[in-house]
């Protein structure tokens, strides 16, 4: 998965703002969402993103995995990420 070409992002200490240029819709997320997005921009797989967040935060792997999966599902549903 990777960010769709029609999406622009702005990452800050507070999280991330995504703008879908096709629809004009804005999507925001917390700092963990920003870490997930940054991982996608780097071409990381979901397991690699989970591993990075667990390493950075010390959070429970199962919780992080569920949160990452849910966030990626939401991004997919909104067509903000895709396989191509």
N, C-alpha and C. Protein backbone atom coordinates (compact mmCIF):
# COMPACT_ATOMS: atom_id res chain seq x y z
N UNK A 1 0.83 -1.19 0.00
CA UNK A 1 0.00 0.00 0.00
C UNK A 1 0.88 1.25 0.00
N UNK A 2 0.35 2.26 -0.67
CA UNK A 2 1.06 3.53 -0.66
C UNK A 2 0.06 4.67 -0.81
N UNK A 3 0.47 5.88 -0.45
CA UNK A 3 -0.43 7.03 -0.58
C UNK A 3 -0.89 7.22 -2.02
N UNK A 4 -2.15 7.56 -2.18
CA UNK A 4 -2.68 7.86 -3.51
C UNK A 4 -2.08 9.16 -4.02
N UNK A 5 -1.84 9.27 -5.33
CA UNK A 5 -1.19 10.46 -5.86
C UNK A 5 -2.02 11.74 -5.74
N UNK A 6 -3.30 11.61 -5.50
CA UNK A 6 -4.17 12.78 -5.38
C UNK A 6 -4.33 13.26 -3.94
N UNK A 7 -3.45 12.78 -3.05
CA UNK A 7 -3.53 13.15 -1.63
C UNK A 7 -2.28 13.93 -1.25
N UNK A 8 -2.50 15.03 -0.55
CA UNK A 8 -1.39 15.83 -0.01
C UNK A 8 -1.43 15.71 1.50
N UNK A 9 -0.27 15.71 2.11
CA UNK A 9 -0.20 15.55 3.57
C UNK A 9 0.61 16.66 4.21
N UNK A 10 0.27 16.93 5.47
CA UNK A 10 1.02 17.88 6.29
C UNK A 10 1.15 17.24 7.66
N UNK A 11 2.38 16.85 8.01
CA UNK A 11 2.64 16.21 9.30
C UNK A 11 3.24 17.23 10.25
N UNK A 12 2.73 17.23 11.48
CA UNK A 12 3.26 18.10 12.53
C UNK A 12 3.35 17.29 13.82
N UNK A 13 3.80 17.93 14.89
CA UNK A 13 3.87 17.27 16.19
C UNK A 13 2.49 16.86 16.69
N UNK A 14 1.45 17.55 16.21
CA UNK A 14 0.08 17.28 16.65
C UNK A 14 -0.58 16.15 15.88
N UNK A 15 -0.01 15.72 14.76
CA UNK A 15 -0.60 14.66 13.96
C UNK A 15 -0.43 14.94 12.48
N UNK A 16 -1.46 14.60 11.72
CA UNK A 16 -1.40 14.74 10.27
C UNK A 16 -2.72 15.26 9.72
N UNK A 17 -2.62 16.05 8.67
CA UNK A 17 -3.77 16.51 7.91
C UNK A 17 -3.58 15.99 6.49
N UNK A 18 -4.60 15.32 5.96
CA UNK A 18 -4.57 14.83 4.59
C UNK A 18 -5.63 15.56 3.79
N UNK A 19 -5.29 15.98 2.59
CA UNK A 19 -6.22 16.64 1.68
C UNK A 19 -6.36 15.79 0.44
N UNK A 20 -7.60 15.39 0.15
CA UNK A 20 -7.91 14.66 -1.08
C UNK A 20 -8.21 15.71 -2.15
N UNK A 21 -7.30 15.88 -3.09
CA UNK A 21 -7.44 16.91 -4.12
C UNK A 21 -8.63 16.66 -5.04
N UNK A 22 -9.05 15.42 -5.18
CA UNK A 22 -10.19 15.11 -6.05
C UNK A 22 -11.51 15.55 -5.44
N UNK A 23 -11.64 15.37 -4.13
CA UNK A 23 -12.93 15.66 -3.48
C UNK A 23 -12.90 16.93 -2.65
N UNK A 24 -11.71 17.41 -2.31
CA UNK A 24 -11.59 18.56 -1.43
C UNK A 24 -11.77 18.21 0.04
N UNK A 25 -11.95 16.93 0.35
CA UNK A 25 -12.15 16.52 1.74
C UNK A 25 -10.83 16.52 2.49
N UNK A 26 -10.93 16.85 3.78
CA UNK A 26 -9.78 16.88 4.67
C UNK A 26 -9.96 15.79 5.71
N UNK A 27 -8.89 15.08 5.99
CA UNK A 27 -8.88 14.00 6.96
C UNK A 27 -7.75 14.29 7.94
N UNK A 28 -8.02 14.18 9.22
CA UNK A 28 -6.96 14.42 10.20
C UNK A 28 -6.80 13.20 11.10
N UNK A 29 -5.61 13.07 11.66
CA UNK A 29 -5.31 11.96 12.56
C UNK A 29 -4.27 12.41 13.58
N UNK A 30 -4.15 11.63 14.63
CA UNK A 30 -3.23 11.93 15.73
C UNK A 30 -1.78 11.60 15.33
N UNK A 31 -0.84 11.80 16.26
CA UNK A 31 0.57 11.53 15.94
C UNK A 31 0.86 10.08 15.52
N UNK A 32 0.11 9.12 16.04
CA UNK A 32 0.33 7.74 15.62
C UNK A 32 -0.12 7.58 14.16
N UNK A 33 -1.23 8.21 13.80
CA UNK A 33 -1.66 8.20 12.40
C UNK A 33 -0.59 8.81 11.51
N UNK A 34 0.06 9.85 12.00
CA UNK A 34 1.14 10.48 11.23
C UNK A 34 2.31 9.52 11.06
N UNK A 35 2.62 8.74 12.09
CA UNK A 35 3.70 7.75 11.97
C UNK A 35 3.34 6.68 10.94
N UNK A 36 2.09 6.26 10.96
CA UNK A 36 1.64 5.25 9.99
C UNK A 36 1.78 5.81 8.58
N UNK A 37 1.29 7.03 8.37
CA UNK A 37 1.38 7.65 7.04
C UNK A 37 2.83 7.78 6.60
N UNK A 38 3.70 8.21 7.50
CA UNK A 38 5.12 8.35 7.16
C UNK A 38 5.70 7.01 6.73
N UNK A 39 5.30 5.95 7.42
CA UNK A 39 5.75 4.61 7.03
C UNK A 39 5.27 4.24 5.64
N UNK A 40 4.03 4.58 5.31
CA UNK A 40 3.52 4.32 3.97
C UNK A 40 4.31 5.10 2.92
N UNK A 41 4.62 6.35 3.23
CA UNK A 41 5.41 7.17 2.29
C UNK A 41 6.80 6.58 2.06
N UNK A 42 7.33 5.90 3.09
CA UNK A 42 8.64 5.26 2.97
C UNK A 42 8.56 3.90 2.28
N UNK A 43 7.35 3.43 2.01
CA UNK A 43 7.18 2.14 1.36
C UNK A 43 7.22 0.96 2.32
N UNK A 44 7.04 1.23 3.61
CA UNK A 44 7.06 0.14 4.59
C UNK A 44 5.78 -0.69 4.53
N UNK A 45 5.91 -1.97 4.84
CA UNK A 45 4.76 -2.86 4.95
C UNK A 45 4.05 -2.63 6.28
N UNK A 46 2.84 -3.14 6.40
CA UNK A 46 2.12 -3.01 7.66
C UNK A 46 2.92 -3.61 8.83
N UNK A 47 3.48 -4.83 8.70
CA UNK A 47 4.27 -5.37 9.82
C UNK A 47 5.45 -4.48 10.19
N UNK A 48 6.10 -3.88 9.20
CA UNK A 48 7.23 -2.99 9.48
C UNK A 48 6.78 -1.73 10.20
N UNK A 49 5.62 -1.20 9.81
CA UNK A 49 5.07 -0.02 10.48
C UNK A 49 4.74 -0.35 11.93
N UNK A 50 4.11 -1.50 12.14
CA UNK A 50 3.77 -1.93 13.50
C UNK A 50 5.05 -2.07 14.33
N UNK A 51 6.05 -2.71 13.77
CA UNK A 51 7.32 -2.92 14.49
C UNK A 51 7.95 -1.58 14.87
N UNK A 52 7.93 -0.64 13.95
CA UNK A 52 8.51 0.68 14.23
C UNK A 52 7.77 1.37 15.37
N UNK A 53 6.44 1.37 15.34
CA UNK A 53 5.66 2.04 16.37
C UNK A 53 5.85 1.36 17.73
N UNK A 54 5.87 0.04 17.74
CA UNK A 54 6.10 -0.68 19.00
C UNK A 54 7.48 -0.31 19.55
N UNK A 55 8.48 -0.26 18.68
CA UNK A 55 9.83 0.09 19.11
C UNK A 55 9.93 1.52 19.63
N UNK A 56 9.19 2.43 19.01
CA UNK A 56 9.25 3.84 19.41
C UNK A 56 8.45 4.12 20.68
N UNK A 57 7.35 3.40 20.86
CA UNK A 57 6.44 3.73 21.96
C UNK A 57 6.43 2.72 23.10
N UNK A 58 6.85 1.49 22.83
CA UNK A 58 6.78 0.44 23.84
C UNK A 58 5.36 -0.07 24.06
N UNK A 59 4.44 0.31 23.18
CA UNK A 59 3.04 -0.11 23.31
C UNK A 59 2.91 -1.60 23.00
N UNK A 60 1.82 -2.18 23.46
CA UNK A 60 1.53 -3.59 23.23
C UNK A 60 1.37 -3.86 21.73
N UNK A 61 2.08 -4.86 21.22
CA UNK A 61 2.07 -5.17 19.79
C UNK A 61 0.66 -5.46 19.26
N UNK A 62 -0.12 -6.20 19.99
CA UNK A 62 -1.47 -6.55 19.53
C UNK A 62 -2.34 -5.30 19.40
N UNK A 63 -2.20 -4.38 20.34
CA UNK A 63 -2.97 -3.13 20.28
C UNK A 63 -2.53 -2.30 19.08
N UNK A 64 -1.23 -2.17 18.91
CA UNK A 64 -0.70 -1.39 17.79
C UNK A 64 -1.13 -2.01 16.47
N UNK A 65 -1.05 -3.32 16.36
CA UNK A 65 -1.44 -4.00 15.13
C UNK A 65 -2.91 -3.74 14.80
N UNK A 66 -3.77 -3.82 15.80
CA UNK A 66 -5.19 -3.54 15.58
C UNK A 66 -5.43 -2.10 15.17
N UNK A 67 -4.74 -1.18 15.82
CA UNK A 67 -4.90 0.24 15.49
C UNK A 67 -4.39 0.55 14.08
N UNK A 68 -3.26 -0.01 13.72
CA UNK A 68 -2.70 0.22 12.38
C UNK A 68 -3.65 -0.36 11.33
N UNK A 69 -4.12 -1.57 11.55
CA UNK A 69 -5.04 -2.19 10.60
C UNK A 69 -6.31 -1.34 10.42
N UNK A 70 -6.86 -0.87 11.54
CA UNK A 70 -8.07 -0.04 11.48
C UNK A 70 -7.81 1.26 10.72
N UNK A 71 -6.68 1.90 10.98
CA UNK A 71 -6.34 3.15 10.30
C UNK A 71 -6.16 2.91 8.80
N UNK A 72 -5.45 1.84 8.43
CA UNK A 72 -5.25 1.54 7.02
C UNK A 72 -6.57 1.21 6.34
N UNK A 73 -7.45 0.51 7.02
CA UNK A 73 -8.78 0.23 6.46
C UNK A 73 -9.54 1.52 6.19
N UNK A 74 -9.45 2.47 7.11
CA UNK A 74 -10.12 3.76 6.94
C UNK A 74 -9.53 4.52 5.76
N UNK A 75 -8.21 4.54 5.65
CA UNK A 75 -7.56 5.22 4.53
C UNK A 75 -7.94 4.57 3.20
N UNK A 76 -8.04 3.25 3.18
CA UNK A 76 -8.43 2.54 1.97
C UNK A 76 -9.87 2.87 1.60
N UNK A 77 -10.75 2.86 2.57
CA UNK A 77 -12.16 3.17 2.34
C UNK A 77 -12.33 4.57 1.75
N UNK A 78 -11.53 5.50 2.20
CA UNK A 78 -11.60 6.88 1.71
C UNK A 78 -10.76 7.10 0.44
N UNK A 79 -10.17 6.03 -0.08
CA UNK A 79 -9.33 6.06 -1.29
C UNK A 79 -8.12 6.98 -1.12
N UNK A 80 -7.61 7.06 0.10
CA UNK A 80 -6.41 7.87 0.36
C UNK A 80 -5.14 7.07 0.16
N UNK A 81 -5.26 5.74 0.16
CA UNK A 81 -4.13 4.85 -0.14
C UNK A 81 -4.65 3.80 -1.11
N UNK A 82 -3.69 3.16 -1.79
CA UNK A 82 -4.03 2.10 -2.72
C UNK A 82 -2.84 1.19 -2.92
N UNK A 83 -3.04 0.17 -3.72
CA UNK A 83 -1.99 -0.81 -3.97
C UNK A 83 -1.05 -0.39 -5.09
N UNK A 84 -1.47 0.55 -5.89
CA UNK A 84 -0.62 0.93 -7.03
C UNK A 84 0.08 2.23 -6.80
